[in-house]
Amino acid sequence: MATSTIKKQFDNYLPLLYNKQQTLLLEMVKSFLNVDKEAKRITKKQYNKEIDEAVERIEKGNFVSHKDALKELSKW
């Protein structure tokens, strides 16, 4: 989608939001721009190690099913 099209849509939708929604949207946009510059990418070796550890936990039954997670979230 062209930048001009996005800007037009944004300009059309923004006034339809309540003030609180506009504020939240602004904070979200700002958060995209404030990416932690100190954060370092992990190595491929570390990534694979974390995947292997996660698979091992799942194989041992140490996980929460989607159904159980939804049930827990509904209590919030």
PDB file of N, CA and C in Angstrom:
ATOM      1  N   MET A   1       0.853  -1.166   0.000  1.00  0.00           N
ATOM      2  CA  MET A   1       0.000   0.000   0.000  1.00  0.00           C
ATOM      3  C   MET A   1       0.905   1.237   0.000  1.00  0.00           C
ATOM      4  N   ALA A   2       0.567   2.198  -0.796  1.00  0.00           N
ATOM      5  CA  ALA A   2       1.369   3.414  -0.921  1.00  0.00           C
ATOM      6  C   ALA A   2       1.293   4.243   0.357  1.00  0.00           C
ATOM      7  N   THR A   3       2.375   4.932   0.647  1.00  0.00           N
ATOM      8  CA  THR A   3       2.443   5.771   1.846  1.00  0.00           C
ATOM      9  C   THR A   3       1.336   6.814   1.862  1.00  0.00           C
ATOM     10  N   SER A   4       1.060   7.412   0.716  1.00  0.00           N
ATOM     11  CA  SER A   4       0.007   8.442   0.663  1.00  0.00           C
ATOM     12  C   SER A   4      -1.360   7.852   0.989  1.00  0.00           C
ATOM     13  N   THR A   5      -1.597   6.623   0.553  1.00  0.00           N
ATOM     14  CA  THR A   5      -2.865   5.950   0.841  1.00  0.00           C
ATOM     15  C   THR A   5      -2.991   5.649   2.329  1.00  0.00           C
ATOM     16  N   ILE A   6      -1.914   5.196   2.913  1.00  0.00           N
ATOM     17  CA  ILE A   6      -1.902   4.897   4.351  1.00  0.00           C
ATOM     18  C   ILE A   6      -2.158   6.173   5.148  1.00  0.00           C
ATOM     19  N   LYS A   7      -1.479   7.245   4.767  1.00  0.00           N
ATOM     20  CA  LYS A   7      -1.659   8.512   5.476  1.00  0.00           C
ATOM     21  C   LYS A   7      -3.101   8.998   5.379  1.00  0.00           C
ATOM     22  N   LYS A   8      -3.707   8.892   4.199  1.00  0.00           N
ATOM     23  CA  LYS A   8      -5.104   9.310   4.035  1.00  0.00           C
ATOM     24  C   LYS A   8      -6.025   8.490   4.931  1.00  0.00           C
ATOM     25  N   GLN A   9      -5.820   7.182   4.951  1.00  0.00           N
ATOM     26  CA  GLN A   9      -6.656   6.318   5.789  1.00  0.00           C
ATOM     27  C   GLN A   9      -6.461   6.659   7.257  1.00  0.00           C
ATOM     28  N   PHE A  10      -5.224   6.852   7.645  1.00  0.00           N
ATOM     29  CA  PHE A  10      -4.929   7.192   9.038  1.00  0.00           C
ATOM     30  C   PHE A  10      -5.614   8.495   9.415  1.00  0.00           C
ATOM     31  N   ASP A  11      -5.493   9.490   8.534  1.00  0.00           N
ATOM     32  CA  ASP A  11      -6.120  10.795   8.781  1.00  0.00           C
ATOM     33  C   ASP A  11      -7.637  10.692   8.863  1.00  0.00           C
ATOM     34  N   ASN A  12      -8.224   9.751   8.140  1.00  0.00           N
ATOM     35  CA  ASN A  12      -9.681   9.560   8.181  1.00  0.00           C
ATOM     36  C   ASN A  12     -10.137   8.842   9.449  1.00  0.00           C
ATOM     37  N   TYR A  13      -9.350   7.858   9.892  1.00  0.00           N
ATOM     38  CA  TYR A  13      -9.754   7.056  11.045  1.00  0.00           C
ATOM     39  C   TYR A  13      -9.449   7.718  12.388  1.00  0.00           C
ATOM     40  N   LEU A  14      -8.355   8.443  12.467  1.00  0.00           N
ATOM     41  CA  LEU A  14      -7.913   9.017  13.737  1.00  0.00           C
ATOM     42  C   LEU A  14      -8.994   9.855  14.427  1.00  0.00           C
ATOM     43  N   PRO A  15      -9.695  10.730  13.726  1.00  0.00           N
ATOM     44  CA  PRO A  15     -10.731  11.537  14.406  1.00  0.00           C
ATOM     45  C   PRO A  15     -11.918  10.713  14.923  1.00  0.00           C
ATOM     46  N   LEU A  16     -12.053   9.490  14.433  1.00  0.00           N
ATOM     47  CA  LEU A  16     -13.162   8.637  14.869  1.00  0.00           C
ATOM     48  C   LEU A  16     -12.906   7.999  16.235  1.00  0.00           C
ATOM     49  N   LEU A  17     -11.657   8.049  16.670  1.00  0.00           N
ATOM     50  CA  LEU A  17     -11.295   7.442  17.951  1.00  0.00           C
ATOM     51  C   LEU A  17     -11.523   8.419  19.091  1.00  0.00           C
ATOM     52  N   TYR A  18     -11.834   7.855  20.243  1.00  0.00           N
ATOM     53  CA  TYR A  18     -11.937   8.681  21.447  1.00  0.00           C
ATOM     54  C   TYR A  18     -10.544   9.171  21.821  1.00  0.00           C
ATOM     55  N   ASN A  19     -10.481  10.192  22.637  1.00  0.00           N
ATOM     56  CA  ASN A  19      -9.212  10.779  23.040  1.00  0.00           C
ATOM     57  C   ASN A  19      -8.282   9.736  23.654  1.00  0.00           C
ATOM     58  N   LYS A  20      -8.813   8.894  24.530  1.00  0.00           N
ATOM     59  CA  LYS A  20      -7.990   7.868  25.179  1.00  0.00           C
ATOM     60  C   LYS A  20      -7.429   6.894  24.144  1.00  0.00           C
ATOM     61  N   GLN A  21      -8.237   6.541  23.154  1.00  0.00           N
ATOM     62  CA  GLN A  21      -7.777   5.635  22.101  1.00  0.00           C
ATOM     63  C   GLN A  21      -6.678   6.293  21.270  1.00  0.00           C
ATOM     64  N   GLN A  22      -6.836   7.586  20.986  1.00  0.00           N
ATOM     65  CA  GLN A  22      -5.811   8.304  20.236  1.00  0.00           C
ATOM     66  C   GLN A  22      -4.499   8.323  21.019  1.00  0.00           C
ATOM     67  N   THR A  23      -4.604   8.547  22.322  1.00  0.00           N
ATOM     68  CA  THR A  23      -3.414   8.569  23.169  1.00  0.00           C
ATOM     69  C   THR A  23      -2.718   7.211  23.165  1.00  0.00           C
ATOM     70  N   LEU A  24      -3.495   6.143  23.291  1.00  0.00           N
ATOM     71  CA  LEU A  24      -2.919   4.798  23.277  1.00  0.00           C
ATOM     72  C   LEU A  24      -2.250   4.504  21.940  1.00  0.00           C
ATOM     73  N   LEU A  25      -2.895   4.906  20.862  1.00  0.00           N
ATOM     74  CA  LEU A  25      -2.327   4.694  19.538  1.00  0.00           C
ATOM     75  C   LEU A  25      -1.017   5.460  19.383  1.00  0.00           C
ATOM     76  N   LEU A  26      -0.980   6.684  19.866  1.00  0.00           N
ATOM     77  CA  LEU A  26       0.241   7.482  19.810  1.00  0.00           C
ATOM     78  C   LEU A  26       1.366   6.804  20.593  1.00  0.00           C
ATOM     79  N   GLU A  27       1.046   6.306  21.779  1.00  0.00           N
ATOM     80  CA  GLU A  27       2.062   5.610  22.583  1.00  0.00           C
ATOM     81  C   GLU A  27       2.571   4.364  21.865  1.00  0.00           C
ATOM     82  N   MET A  28       1.684   3.668  21.177  1.00  0.00           N
ATOM     83  CA  MET A  28       2.085   2.469  20.441  1.00  0.00           C
ATOM     84  C   MET A  28       3.039   2.849  19.307  1.00  0.00           C
ATOM     85  N   VAL A  29       2.716   3.891  18.575  1.00  0.00           N
ATOM     86  CA  VAL A  29       3.584   4.351  17.490  1.00  0.00           C
ATOM     87  C   VAL A  29       4.946   4.752  18.043  1.00  0.00           C
ATOM     88  N   LYS A  30       4.943   5.464  19.150  1.00  0.00           N
ATOM     89  CA  LYS A  30       6.207   5.870  19.772  1.00  0.00           C
ATOM     90  C   LYS A  30       7.031   4.655  20.182  1.00  0.00           C
ATOM     91  N   SER A  31       6.363   3.622  20.659  1.00  0.00           N
ATOM     92  CA  SER A  31       7.095   2.422  21.090  1.00  0.00           C
ATOM     93  C   SER A  31       7.782   1.744  19.905  1.00  0.00           C
ATOM     94  N   PHE A  32       7.189   1.834  18.711  1.00  0.00           N
ATOM     95  CA  PHE A  32       7.846   1.287  17.524  1.00  0.00           C
ATOM     96  C   PHE A  32       9.145   2.029  17.227  1.00  0.00           C
ATOM     97  N   LEU A  33       9.172   3.302  17.538  1.00  0.00           N
ATOM     98  CA  LEU A  33      10.342   4.118  17.247  1.00  0.00           C
ATOM     99  C   LEU A  33      11.410   4.015  18.326  1.00  0.00           C
ATOM    100  N   ASN A  34      11.036   3.584  19.515  1.00  0.00           N
ATOM    101  CA  ASN A  34      11.966   3.501  20.634  1.00  0.00           C
ATOM    102  C   ASN A  34      12.449   2.081  20.874  1.00  0.00           C
ATOM    103  N   VAL A  35      12.854   1.431  19.833  1.00  0.00           N
ATOM    104  CA  VAL A  35      13.361   0.068  19.957  1.00  0.00           C
ATOM    105  C   VAL A  35      14.644   0.116  20.769  1.00  0.00           C
ATOM    106  N   ASP A  36      14.784  -0.817  21.670  1.00  0.00           N
ATOM    107  CA  ASP A  36      15.947  -0.852  22.552  1.00  0.00           C
ATOM    108  C   ASP A  36      17.220  -1.050  21.737  1.00  0.00           C
ATOM    109  N   LYS A  37      18.026  -0.028  21.687  1.00  0.00           N
ATOM    110  CA  LYS A  37      19.251  -0.077  20.898  1.00  0.00           C
ATOM    111  C   LYS A  37      20.339  -0.901  21.591  1.00  0.00           C
ATOM    112  N   GLU A  38      20.121  -1.212  22.859  1.00  0.00           N
ATOM    113  CA  GLU A  38      21.079  -2.015  23.605  1.00  0.00           C
ATOM    114  C   GLU A  38      20.843  -3.512  23.390  1.00  0.00           C
ATOM    115  N   ALA A  39      19.659  -3.851  22.899  1.00  0.00           N
ATOM    116  CA  ALA A  39      19.315  -5.259  22.714  1.00  0.00           C
ATOM    117  C   ALA A  39      20.224  -5.878  21.654  1.00  0.00           C
ATOM    118  N   LYS A  40      20.712  -7.057  21.961  1.00  0.00           N
ATOM    119  CA  LYS A  40      21.583  -7.750  21.018  1.00  0.00           C
ATOM    120  C   LYS A  40      20.872  -8.985  20.493  1.00  0.00           C
ATOM    121  N   ARG A  41      21.091  -9.248  19.237  1.00  0.00           N
ATOM    122  CA  ARG A  41      20.517 -10.446  18.632  1.00  0.00           C
ATOM    123  C   ARG A  41      21.266 -11.667  19.155  1.00  0.00           C
ATOM    124  N   ILE A  42      20.547 -12.752  19.313  1.00  0.00           N
ATOM    125  CA  ILE A  42      21.207 -13.974  19.759  1.00  0.00           C
ATOM    126  C   ILE A  42      21.801 -14.688  18.549  1.00  0.00           C
ATOM    127  N   THR A  43      22.749 -15.555  18.836  1.00  0.00           N
ATOM    128  CA  THR A  43      23.384 -16.307  17.757  1.00  0.00           C
ATOM    129  C   THR A  43      22.479 -17.432  17.300  1.00  0.00           C
ATOM    130  N   LYS A  44      22.775 -17.959  16.140  1.00  0.00           N
ATOM    131  CA  LYS A  44      22.018 -19.100  15.621  1.00  0.00           C
ATOM    132  C   LYS A  44      22.157 -20.292  16.583  1.00  0.00           C
ATOM    133  N   LYS A  45      23.343 -20.448  17.135  1.00  0.00           N
ATOM    134  CA  LYS A  45      23.594 -21.534  18.085  1.00  0.00           C
ATOM    135  C   LYS A  45      22.699 -21.382  19.320  1.00  0.00           C
ATOM    136  N   GLN A  46      22.608 -20.164  19.868  1.00  0.00           N
ATOM    137  CA  GLN A  46      21.772 -19.910  21.039  1.00  0.00           C
ATOM    138  C   GLN A  46      20.299 -20.126  20.696  1.00  0.00           C
ATOM    139  N   TYR A  47      19.887 -19.637  19.520  1.00  0.00           N
ATOM    140  CA  TYR A  47      18.505 -19.800  19.063  1.00  0.00           C
ATOM    141  C   TYR A  47      18.141 -21.286  19.018  1.00  0.00           C
ATOM    142  N   ASN A  48      18.996 -22.081  18.380  1.00  0.00           N
ATOM    143  CA  ASN A  48      18.731 -23.521  18.273  1.00  0.00           C
ATOM    144  C   ASN A  48      18.716 -24.193  19.641  1.00  0.00           C
ATOM    145  N   LYS A  49      19.589 -23.744  20.549  1.00  0.00           N
ATOM    146  CA  LYS A  49      19.614 -24.289  21.903  1.00  0.00           C
ATOM    147  C   LYS A  49      18.280 -24.021  22.604  1.00  0.00           C
ATOM    148  N   GLU A  50      17.763 -22.792  22.470  1.00  0.00           N
ATOM    149  CA  GLU A  50      16.490 -22.450  23.101  1.00  0.00           C
ATOM    150  C   GLU A  50      15.339 -23.249  22.502  1.00  0.00           C
ATOM    151  N   ILE A  51      15.373 -23.475  21.204  1.00  0.00           N
ATOM    152  CA  ILE A  51      14.343 -24.295  20.550  1.00  0.00           C
ATOM    153  C   ILE A  51      14.412 -25.722  21.080  1.00  0.00           C
ATOM    154  N   ASP A  52      15.607 -26.273  21.151  1.00  0.00           N
ATOM    155  CA  ASP A  52      15.773 -27.643  21.660  1.00  0.00           C
ATOM    156  C   ASP A  52      15.269 -27.763  23.095  1.00  0.00           C
ATOM    157  N   GLU A  53      15.560 -26.765  23.925  1.00  0.00           N
ATOM    158  CA  GLU A  53      15.095 -26.779  25.311  1.00  0.00           C
ATOM    159  C   GLU A  53      13.563 -26.712  25.375  1.00  0.00           C
ATOM    160  N   ALA A  54      12.976 -25.921  24.504  1.00  0.00           N
ATOM    161  CA  ALA A  54      11.515 -25.804  24.476  1.00  0.00           C
ATOM    162  C   ALA A  54      10.877 -27.124  24.046  1.00  0.00           C
ATOM    163  N   VAL A  55      11.450 -27.751  23.041  1.00  0.00           N
ATOM    164  CA  VAL A  55      10.933 -29.046  22.574  1.00  0.00           C
ATOM    165  C   VAL A  55      11.033 -30.074  23.689  1.00  0.00           C
ATOM    166  N   GLU A  56      12.139 -30.067  24.404  1.00  0.00           N
ATOM    167  CA  GLU A  56      12.337 -30.999  25.516  1.00  0.00           C
ATOM    168  C   GLU A  56      11.266 -30.790  26.601  1.00  0.00           C
ATOM    169  N   ARG A  57      10.983 -29.521  26.931  1.00  0.00           N
ATOM    170  CA  ARG A  57       9.938 -29.237  27.932  1.00  0.00           C
ATOM    171  C   ARG A  57       8.583 -29.763  27.461  1.00  0.00           C
ATOM    172  N   ILE A  58       8.280 -29.560  26.196  1.00  0.00           N
ATOM    173  CA  ILE A  58       6.994 -30.028  25.651  1.00  0.00           C
ATOM    174  C   ILE A  58       6.911 -31.545  25.710  1.00  0.00           C
ATOM    175  N   GLU A  59       7.989 -32.204  25.322  1.00  0.00           N
ATOM    176  CA  GLU A  59       8.007 -33.673  25.345  1.00  0.00           C
ATOM    177  C   GLU A  59       7.839 -34.220  26.755  1.00  0.00           C
ATOM    178  N   LYS A  60       8.279 -33.477  27.756  1.00  0.00           N
ATOM    179  CA  LYS A  60       8.120 -33.886  29.152  1.00  0.00           C
ATOM    180  C   LYS A  60       6.743 -33.516  29.695  1.00  0.00           C
ATOM    181  N   GLY A  61       5.923 -32.869  28.857  1.00  0.00           N
ATOM    182  CA  GLY A  61       4.569 -32.500  29.290  1.00  0.00           C
ATOM    183  C   GLY A  61       4.505 -31.182  30.034  1.00  0.00           C
ATOM    184  N   ASN A  62       5.582 -30.427  30.006  1.00  0.00           N
ATOM    185  CA  ASN A  62       5.637 -29.154  30.709  1.00  0.00           C
ATOM    186  C   ASN A  62       5.179 -28.032  29.779  1.00  0.00           C
ATOM    187  N   PHE A  63       3.861 -27.930  29.591  1.00  0.00           N
ATOM    188  CA  PHE A  63       3.297 -26.904  28.737  1.00  0.00           C
ATOM    189  C   PHE A  63       1.843 -26.666  29.130  1.00  0.00           C
ATOM    190  N   VAL A  64       1.268 -25.605  28.606  1.00  0.00           N
ATOM    191  CA  VAL A  64      -0.145 -25.285  28.829  1.00  0.00           C
ATOM    192  C   VAL A  64      -0.833 -25.368  27.478  1.00  0.00           C
ATOM    193  N   SER A  65      -1.909 -26.134  27.401  1.00  0.00           N
ATOM    194  CA  SER A  65      -2.623 -26.257  26.130  1.00  0.00           C
ATOM    195  C   SER A  65      -3.326 -24.943  25.797  1.00  0.00           C
ATOM    196  N   HIS A  66      -3.638 -24.787  24.539  1.00  0.00           N
ATOM    197  CA  HIS A  66      -4.344 -23.585  24.092  1.00  0.00           C
ATOM    198  C   HIS A  66      -5.687 -23.470  24.817  1.00  0.00           C
ATOM    199  N   LYS A  67      -6.373 -24.575  24.945  1.00  0.00           N
ATOM    200  CA  LYS A  67      -7.674 -24.601  25.618  1.00  0.00           C
ATOM    201  C   LYS A  67      -7.537 -24.143  27.075  1.00  0.00           C
ATOM    202  N   ASP A  68      -6.526 -24.666  27.770  1.00  0.00           N
ATOM    203  CA  ASP A  68      -6.316 -24.280  29.170  1.00  0.00           C
ATOM    204  C   ASP A  68      -5.889 -22.816  29.293  1.00  0.00           C
ATOM    205  N   ALA A  69      -5.101 -22.346  28.347  1.00  0.00           N
ATOM    206  CA  ALA A  69      -4.666 -20.948  28.378  1.00  0.00           C
ATOM    207  C   ALA A  69      -5.870 -20.021  28.200  1.00  0.00           C
ATOM    208  N   LEU A  70      -6.760 -20.367  27.279  1.00  0.00           N
ATOM    209  CA  LEU A  70      -7.968 -19.559  27.077  1.00  0.00           C
ATOM    210  C   LEU A  70      -8.850 -19.569  28.319  1.00  0.00           C
ATOM    211  N   LYS A  71      -8.952 -20.733  28.950  1.00  0.00           N
ATOM    212  CA  LYS A  71      -9.750 -20.846  30.164  1.00  0.00           C
ATOM    213  C   LYS A  71      -9.176 -19.947  31.265  1.00  0.00           C
ATOM    214  N   GLU A  72      -7.855 -19.943  31.399  1.00  0.00           N
ATOM    215  CA  GLU A  72      -7.191 -19.115  32.394  1.00  0.00           C
ATOM    216  C   GLU A  72      -7.379 -17.622  32.074  1.00  0.00           C
ATOM    217  N   LEU A  73      -7.238 -17.284  30.811  1.00  0.00           N
ATOM    218  CA  LEU A  73      -7.404 -15.880  30.411  1.00  0.00           C
ATOM    219  C   LEU A  73      -8.819 -15.374  30.643  1.00  0.00           C
ATOM    220  N   SER A  74      -9.797 -16.246  30.550  1.00  0.00           N
ATOM    221  CA  SER A  74     -11.182 -15.827  30.732  1.00  0.00           C
ATOM    222  C   SER A  74     -11.454 -15.409  32.179  1.00  0.00           C
ATOM    223  N   LYS A  75     -10.580 -15.792  33.097  1.00  0.00           N
ATOM    224  CA  LYS A  75     -10.727 -15.427  34.501  1.00  0.00           C
ATOM    225  C   LYS A  75     -10.231 -14.024  34.795  1.00  0.00           C
ATOM    226  N   TRP A  76      -9.491 -13.424  33.866  1.00  0.00           N
ATOM    227  CA  TRP A  76      -8.889 -12.116  34.087  1.00  0.00           C
ATOM    228  C   TRP A  76      -9.909 -11.034  34.074  1.00  0.00           C
TER     229      TRP A  76
END
